[in-house]
N, C-alpha and C. Protein backbone atom coordinates (compact mmCIF):
# COMPACT_ATOMS: atom_id res chain seq x y z
N MET A 1 61.65 46.50 -21.92
CA MET A 1 61.22 47.84 -22.24
C MET A 1 60.98 48.59 -20.94
N SER A 2 61.35 49.82 -20.92
CA SER A 2 61.23 50.61 -19.70
C SER A 2 59.82 51.13 -19.53
N SER A 3 59.51 51.52 -18.33
CA SER A 3 58.18 52.04 -18.04
C SER A 3 57.94 53.37 -18.73
N THR A 4 58.99 54.13 -18.97
CA THR A 4 58.85 55.41 -19.66
C THR A 4 58.46 55.17 -21.11
N ALA A 5 59.08 54.22 -21.76
CA ALA A 5 58.75 53.91 -23.16
C ALA A 5 57.32 53.39 -23.26
N SER A 6 56.93 52.59 -22.31
CA SER A 6 55.57 52.05 -22.29
C SER A 6 54.55 53.18 -22.11
N LEU A 7 54.85 54.11 -21.23
CA LEU A 7 53.98 55.25 -21.00
C LEU A 7 53.87 56.12 -22.24
N LEU A 8 54.99 56.34 -22.94
CA LEU A 8 54.97 57.13 -24.17
C LEU A 8 54.16 56.44 -25.26
N ARG A 9 54.27 55.14 -25.35
CA ARG A 9 53.49 54.41 -26.37
C ARG A 9 52.00 54.51 -26.08
N ARG A 10 51.62 54.35 -24.82
CA ARG A 10 50.19 54.47 -24.47
C ARG A 10 49.68 55.87 -24.78
N THR A 11 50.44 56.87 -24.44
CA THR A 11 50.04 58.25 -24.71
C THR A 11 49.90 58.49 -26.20
N ALA A 12 50.84 58.00 -27.00
CA ALA A 12 50.78 58.17 -28.45
C ALA A 12 49.55 57.45 -29.01
N PHE A 13 49.26 56.29 -28.47
CA PHE A 13 48.09 55.52 -28.93
C PHE A 13 46.80 56.28 -28.63
N ILE A 14 46.67 56.79 -27.43
CA ILE A 14 45.46 57.53 -27.04
C ILE A 14 45.31 58.79 -27.88
N VAL A 15 46.40 59.51 -28.12
CA VAL A 15 46.35 60.72 -28.95
C VAL A 15 45.96 60.35 -30.38
N SER A 16 46.48 59.26 -30.89
CA SER A 16 46.13 58.83 -32.26
C SER A 16 44.65 58.50 -32.36
N ILE A 17 44.10 57.77 -31.39
CA ILE A 17 42.67 57.44 -31.39
C ILE A 17 41.84 58.71 -31.32
N ALA A 18 42.22 59.66 -30.48
CA ALA A 18 41.49 60.92 -30.36
C ALA A 18 41.52 61.69 -31.67
N ALA A 19 42.65 61.69 -32.35
CA ALA A 19 42.77 62.39 -33.63
C ALA A 19 41.88 61.73 -34.68
N ILE A 20 41.88 60.41 -34.72
CA ILE A 20 41.03 59.69 -35.69
C ILE A 20 39.56 59.99 -35.42
N LEU A 21 39.15 59.95 -34.16
CA LEU A 21 37.76 60.27 -33.83
C LEU A 21 37.41 61.70 -34.20
N GLY A 22 38.31 62.63 -33.99
CA GLY A 22 38.07 64.03 -34.37
C GLY A 22 37.88 64.17 -35.86
N VAL A 23 38.71 63.47 -36.65
CA VAL A 23 38.58 63.53 -38.11
C VAL A 23 37.25 62.93 -38.54
N LEU A 24 36.86 61.81 -37.96
CA LEU A 24 35.58 61.18 -38.32
C LEU A 24 34.39 62.08 -37.96
N MET A 25 34.43 62.72 -36.81
CA MET A 25 33.34 63.61 -36.41
C MET A 25 33.25 64.82 -37.34
N ALA A 26 34.40 65.37 -37.73
CA ALA A 26 34.40 66.51 -38.66
C ALA A 26 33.87 66.09 -40.02
N TRP A 27 34.27 64.91 -40.48
CA TRP A 27 33.78 64.41 -41.77
C TRP A 27 32.28 64.22 -41.73
N ARG A 28 31.75 63.67 -40.64
CA ARG A 28 30.31 63.45 -40.51
C ARG A 28 29.56 64.78 -40.47
N ARG A 29 30.09 65.74 -39.74
CA ARG A 29 29.46 67.06 -39.65
C ARG A 29 29.41 67.72 -41.02
N ASP A 30 30.50 67.63 -41.78
CA ASP A 30 30.55 68.23 -43.11
C ASP A 30 29.61 67.50 -44.07
N ARG A 31 29.50 66.21 -43.92
CA ARG A 31 28.65 65.41 -44.81
C ARG A 31 27.17 65.72 -44.58
N LEU A 32 26.78 65.91 -43.33
CA LEU A 32 25.38 66.20 -43.03
C LEU A 32 24.99 67.62 -43.40
N GLY A 33 25.92 68.50 -43.45
CA GLY A 33 25.63 69.87 -43.84
C GLY A 33 25.33 70.75 -42.65
N PRO A 34 25.21 72.06 -42.90
CA PRO A 34 24.96 73.00 -41.81
C PRO A 34 23.54 72.85 -41.27
N GLY A 35 23.39 73.06 -39.99
CA GLY A 35 22.06 73.00 -39.37
C GLY A 35 21.62 71.60 -39.02
N ALA A 36 22.37 70.60 -39.41
CA ALA A 36 22.00 69.23 -39.07
C ALA A 36 22.35 68.96 -37.62
N SER A 37 21.50 68.25 -36.96
CA SER A 37 21.78 67.93 -35.56
C SER A 37 21.73 66.43 -35.36
N ASP A 38 22.25 66.01 -34.24
CA ASP A 38 22.24 64.59 -33.93
C ASP A 38 20.93 64.14 -33.29
N SER A 39 20.04 65.08 -33.00
CA SER A 39 18.77 64.70 -32.38
C SER A 39 17.85 64.06 -33.42
N PRO A 40 17.01 63.13 -32.98
CA PRO A 40 16.11 62.47 -33.93
C PRO A 40 15.06 63.46 -34.44
N PRO A 41 14.50 63.18 -35.60
CA PRO A 41 13.48 64.09 -36.14
C PRO A 41 12.25 64.10 -35.25
N GLU A 42 11.49 65.18 -35.31
CA GLU A 42 10.29 65.30 -34.49
C GLU A 42 9.21 64.39 -35.04
N TRP A 43 8.38 63.90 -34.13
CA TRP A 43 7.27 63.04 -34.52
C TRP A 43 6.20 63.88 -35.21
N PRO A 44 5.52 63.29 -36.19
CA PRO A 44 4.42 64.03 -36.81
C PRO A 44 3.25 64.15 -35.83
N GLU A 45 2.40 65.11 -36.07
CA GLU A 45 1.26 65.33 -35.19
C GLU A 45 0.33 64.12 -35.23
N PHE A 46 -0.15 63.72 -34.06
CA PHE A 46 -1.04 62.56 -33.96
C PHE A 46 -2.42 62.91 -34.48
N VAL A 47 -2.93 62.08 -35.37
CA VAL A 47 -4.28 62.25 -35.89
C VAL A 47 -5.04 60.97 -35.56
N SER A 48 -6.10 61.10 -34.82
CA SER A 48 -6.86 59.94 -34.39
C SER A 48 -7.59 59.31 -35.57
N ALA A 49 -7.58 57.98 -35.61
CA ALA A 49 -8.27 57.27 -36.68
C ALA A 49 -9.74 57.05 -36.35
N THR A 50 -10.12 57.26 -35.10
CA THR A 50 -11.52 57.07 -34.72
C THR A 50 -12.26 58.39 -34.88
N PRO A 51 -13.47 58.32 -35.35
CA PRO A 51 -14.24 59.56 -35.54
C PRO A 51 -14.64 60.16 -34.19
N GLU A 52 -14.87 61.45 -34.19
CA GLU A 52 -15.30 62.14 -33.00
C GLU A 52 -16.72 61.68 -32.64
N PRO A 53 -17.02 61.50 -31.36
CA PRO A 53 -18.37 61.09 -30.98
C PRO A 53 -19.36 62.22 -31.26
N ASN A 54 -20.52 61.83 -31.76
CA ASN A 54 -21.52 62.84 -32.10
C ASN A 54 -22.74 62.76 -31.19
N GLY A 55 -22.69 61.92 -30.15
CA GLY A 55 -23.79 61.84 -29.21
C GLY A 55 -24.86 60.83 -29.58
N GLU A 56 -24.81 60.27 -30.76
CA GLU A 56 -25.80 59.29 -31.17
C GLU A 56 -25.38 57.90 -30.72
N VAL A 57 -26.33 57.13 -30.27
CA VAL A 57 -26.06 55.75 -29.86
C VAL A 57 -26.27 54.85 -31.07
N PRO A 58 -25.26 54.07 -31.45
CA PRO A 58 -25.45 53.21 -32.61
C PRO A 58 -26.45 52.10 -32.32
N GLN A 59 -27.23 51.77 -33.30
CA GLN A 59 -28.21 50.71 -33.18
C GLN A 59 -27.56 49.38 -33.57
N PRO A 60 -27.93 48.30 -32.90
CA PRO A 60 -27.36 47.00 -33.28
C PRO A 60 -27.73 46.65 -34.72
N THR A 61 -26.77 46.07 -35.42
CA THR A 61 -26.99 45.76 -36.84
C THR A 61 -27.53 44.36 -37.05
N ALA A 62 -27.27 43.45 -36.14
CA ALA A 62 -27.76 42.09 -36.31
C ALA A 62 -28.22 41.56 -34.96
N SER A 63 -29.17 40.67 -34.99
CA SER A 63 -29.64 40.09 -33.74
C SER A 63 -28.67 39.01 -33.28
N THR A 64 -28.70 38.71 -32.01
CA THR A 64 -27.84 37.67 -31.46
C THR A 64 -28.32 36.32 -31.96
N VAL A 65 -27.38 35.51 -32.42
CA VAL A 65 -27.75 34.21 -32.97
C VAL A 65 -27.63 33.10 -31.94
N TRP A 66 -27.21 33.43 -30.73
CA TRP A 66 -27.11 32.41 -29.70
C TRP A 66 -27.91 32.82 -28.48
N LEU A 67 -28.25 31.84 -27.66
CA LEU A 67 -28.97 32.08 -26.42
C LEU A 67 -28.18 31.49 -25.27
N ALA A 68 -28.40 32.02 -24.09
CA ALA A 68 -27.79 31.44 -22.90
C ALA A 68 -28.55 30.15 -22.55
N PRO A 69 -27.87 29.19 -21.94
CA PRO A 69 -28.57 27.95 -21.58
C PRO A 69 -29.62 28.21 -20.49
N LEU A 70 -30.54 27.28 -20.36
CA LEU A 70 -31.57 27.37 -19.33
C LEU A 70 -30.94 27.13 -17.96
N ASP A 71 -31.70 27.37 -16.91
CA ASP A 71 -31.18 27.23 -15.55
C ASP A 71 -30.70 25.81 -15.24
N ASP A 72 -31.30 24.81 -15.85
CA ASP A 72 -30.89 23.43 -15.60
C ASP A 72 -29.69 23.01 -16.45
N GLY A 73 -29.14 23.91 -17.28
CA GLY A 73 -27.97 23.61 -18.10
C GLY A 73 -28.29 23.06 -19.47
N SER A 74 -29.56 22.96 -19.80
CA SER A 74 -29.93 22.47 -21.13
C SER A 74 -30.17 23.65 -22.06
N CYS A 75 -30.25 23.35 -23.35
CA CYS A 75 -30.51 24.38 -24.35
C CYS A 75 -31.99 24.44 -24.67
N PRO A 76 -32.51 25.61 -25.05
CA PRO A 76 -33.90 25.71 -25.47
C PRO A 76 -34.17 24.82 -26.68
N ALA A 77 -35.42 24.44 -26.89
CA ALA A 77 -35.78 23.50 -27.95
C ALA A 77 -35.45 24.02 -29.34
N ASP A 78 -35.44 25.34 -29.54
CA ASP A 78 -35.14 25.87 -30.87
C ASP A 78 -33.67 26.23 -31.05
N HIS A 79 -32.84 26.01 -30.02
CA HIS A 79 -31.39 26.27 -30.09
C HIS A 79 -30.66 25.08 -29.46
N MET A 80 -30.63 23.96 -30.15
CA MET A 80 -30.14 22.70 -29.57
C MET A 80 -28.63 22.48 -29.69
N ILE A 81 -27.91 23.33 -30.40
CA ILE A 81 -26.46 23.16 -30.54
C ILE A 81 -25.80 23.73 -29.29
N LYS A 82 -25.02 22.90 -28.57
CA LYS A 82 -24.33 23.33 -27.34
C LYS A 82 -22.90 23.74 -27.68
N ALA A 83 -22.51 24.94 -27.25
CA ALA A 83 -21.15 25.43 -27.50
C ALA A 83 -20.46 25.72 -26.17
N LYS A 84 -19.19 25.35 -26.12
CA LYS A 84 -18.38 25.55 -24.91
C LYS A 84 -17.28 26.55 -25.23
N GLU A 85 -17.27 27.71 -24.56
CA GLU A 85 -16.30 28.77 -24.86
C GLU A 85 -14.87 28.35 -24.56
N SER A 86 -14.65 27.62 -23.46
CA SER A 86 -13.28 27.27 -23.06
C SER A 86 -12.59 26.37 -24.08
N SER A 87 -13.35 25.53 -24.77
CA SER A 87 -12.75 24.61 -25.74
C SER A 87 -12.91 25.09 -27.18
N GLY A 88 -13.88 25.97 -27.41
CA GLY A 88 -14.14 26.43 -28.78
C GLY A 88 -14.83 25.37 -29.62
N ILE A 89 -15.52 24.44 -28.96
CA ILE A 89 -16.16 23.31 -29.64
C ILE A 89 -17.67 23.40 -29.43
N TYR A 90 -18.43 22.98 -30.47
CA TYR A 90 -19.87 22.85 -30.30
C TYR A 90 -20.26 21.39 -30.47
N HIS A 91 -21.35 21.02 -29.80
CA HIS A 91 -21.83 19.64 -29.81
C HIS A 91 -23.24 19.61 -30.38
N VAL A 92 -23.50 18.64 -31.24
CA VAL A 92 -24.83 18.46 -31.85
C VAL A 92 -25.60 17.42 -31.04
N PRO A 93 -26.95 17.43 -31.11
CA PRO A 93 -27.76 16.53 -30.28
C PRO A 93 -27.42 15.04 -30.41
N ASP A 94 -26.99 14.57 -31.56
CA ASP A 94 -26.67 13.15 -31.69
C ASP A 94 -25.20 12.85 -31.42
N GLY A 95 -24.46 13.83 -30.91
CA GLY A 95 -23.03 13.66 -30.63
C GLY A 95 -22.77 12.86 -29.37
N ARG A 96 -21.58 12.29 -29.27
CA ARG A 96 -21.19 11.40 -28.18
C ARG A 96 -21.20 12.11 -26.81
N PHE A 97 -20.74 13.35 -26.76
CA PHE A 97 -20.63 14.06 -25.48
C PHE A 97 -21.72 15.12 -25.28
N TYR A 98 -22.78 15.06 -26.08
CA TYR A 98 -23.82 16.08 -26.02
C TYR A 98 -24.49 16.13 -24.65
N GLU A 99 -24.86 14.99 -24.11
CA GLU A 99 -25.62 14.96 -22.85
C GLU A 99 -24.80 15.47 -21.68
N ARG A 100 -23.51 15.21 -21.65
CA ARG A 100 -22.72 15.62 -20.49
C ARG A 100 -22.07 16.99 -20.65
N THR A 101 -22.31 17.66 -21.76
CA THR A 101 -21.75 18.99 -21.98
C THR A 101 -22.64 20.04 -21.33
N ASN A 102 -22.04 20.89 -20.51
CA ASN A 102 -22.74 22.04 -19.94
C ASN A 102 -22.38 23.25 -20.80
N PRO A 103 -23.31 23.73 -21.61
CA PRO A 103 -22.97 24.77 -22.60
C PRO A 103 -22.83 26.16 -21.98
N ASP A 104 -22.06 26.97 -22.71
CA ASP A 104 -21.99 28.40 -22.40
C ASP A 104 -22.92 29.17 -23.32
N ARG A 105 -23.14 28.61 -24.51
CA ARG A 105 -24.02 29.22 -25.51
C ARG A 105 -24.82 28.12 -26.20
N CYS A 106 -26.00 28.48 -26.68
CA CYS A 106 -26.85 27.55 -27.43
C CYS A 106 -27.16 28.18 -28.79
N TYR A 107 -26.94 27.41 -29.85
CA TYR A 107 -27.16 27.90 -31.21
C TYR A 107 -28.28 27.12 -31.88
N ALA A 108 -28.94 27.78 -32.84
CA ALA A 108 -30.00 27.12 -33.60
C ALA A 108 -29.41 26.25 -34.71
N THR A 109 -28.32 26.70 -35.33
CA THR A 109 -27.72 25.94 -36.43
C THR A 109 -26.22 25.82 -36.25
N GLU A 110 -25.65 24.82 -36.90
CA GLU A 110 -24.20 24.64 -36.88
C GLU A 110 -23.51 25.82 -37.56
N THR A 111 -24.14 26.37 -38.59
CA THR A 111 -23.56 27.51 -39.32
C THR A 111 -23.38 28.71 -38.39
N ASP A 112 -24.36 28.94 -37.51
CA ASP A 112 -24.26 30.05 -36.56
C ASP A 112 -23.10 29.83 -35.60
N ALA A 113 -22.93 28.62 -35.11
CA ALA A 113 -21.84 28.31 -34.19
C ALA A 113 -20.49 28.47 -34.89
N GLN A 114 -20.40 28.01 -36.13
CA GLN A 114 -19.15 28.14 -36.89
C GLN A 114 -18.85 29.61 -37.17
N ALA A 115 -19.87 30.40 -37.43
CA ALA A 115 -19.66 31.83 -37.70
C ALA A 115 -19.09 32.55 -36.48
N ASP A 116 -19.37 32.04 -35.28
CA ASP A 116 -18.82 32.62 -34.06
C ASP A 116 -17.47 32.02 -33.69
N GLY A 117 -16.92 31.16 -34.54
CA GLY A 117 -15.57 30.64 -34.32
C GLY A 117 -15.48 29.28 -33.66
N TYR A 118 -16.59 28.62 -33.47
CA TYR A 118 -16.56 27.28 -32.87
C TYR A 118 -16.37 26.22 -33.96
N ARG A 119 -15.80 25.08 -33.55
CA ARG A 119 -15.67 23.96 -34.47
C ARG A 119 -16.47 22.80 -33.92
N ARG A 120 -16.87 21.89 -34.81
CA ARG A 120 -17.68 20.75 -34.43
C ARG A 120 -16.86 19.74 -33.63
N SER A 121 -17.49 19.12 -32.67
CA SER A 121 -16.84 18.07 -31.89
C SER A 121 -16.49 16.91 -32.82
N LYS A 122 -15.34 16.29 -32.58
CA LYS A 122 -14.90 15.19 -33.46
C LYS A 122 -15.64 13.89 -33.17
N SER A 123 -16.34 13.81 -32.06
CA SER A 123 -17.07 12.57 -31.78
C SER A 123 -18.50 12.85 -31.41
């Protein structure tokens, strides 16, 4: 095949593709109707879900159920449950690792520790 025939075939192919694309674009324009644009629709106005501040300071609704450990790393006598934040585990006084645990929080009851997301030590 000669180079002229090859050039004519390429030109015919490109013209055919351009014609097909033109027909598709015209069909899409007619289908969308007048005034339709290719730009995305505008975003709705932002409405904040948080209420406007009114200057009042909210009062705490519940007291803290845990205490910080004493300076020596032990828990106060009325809050003997030791909780470790890094592990998410709490230790009871008769537990295997109770003595060597340095607590981050001390709780009065197991229920309080569980309510804060801690689980009981397995040993």
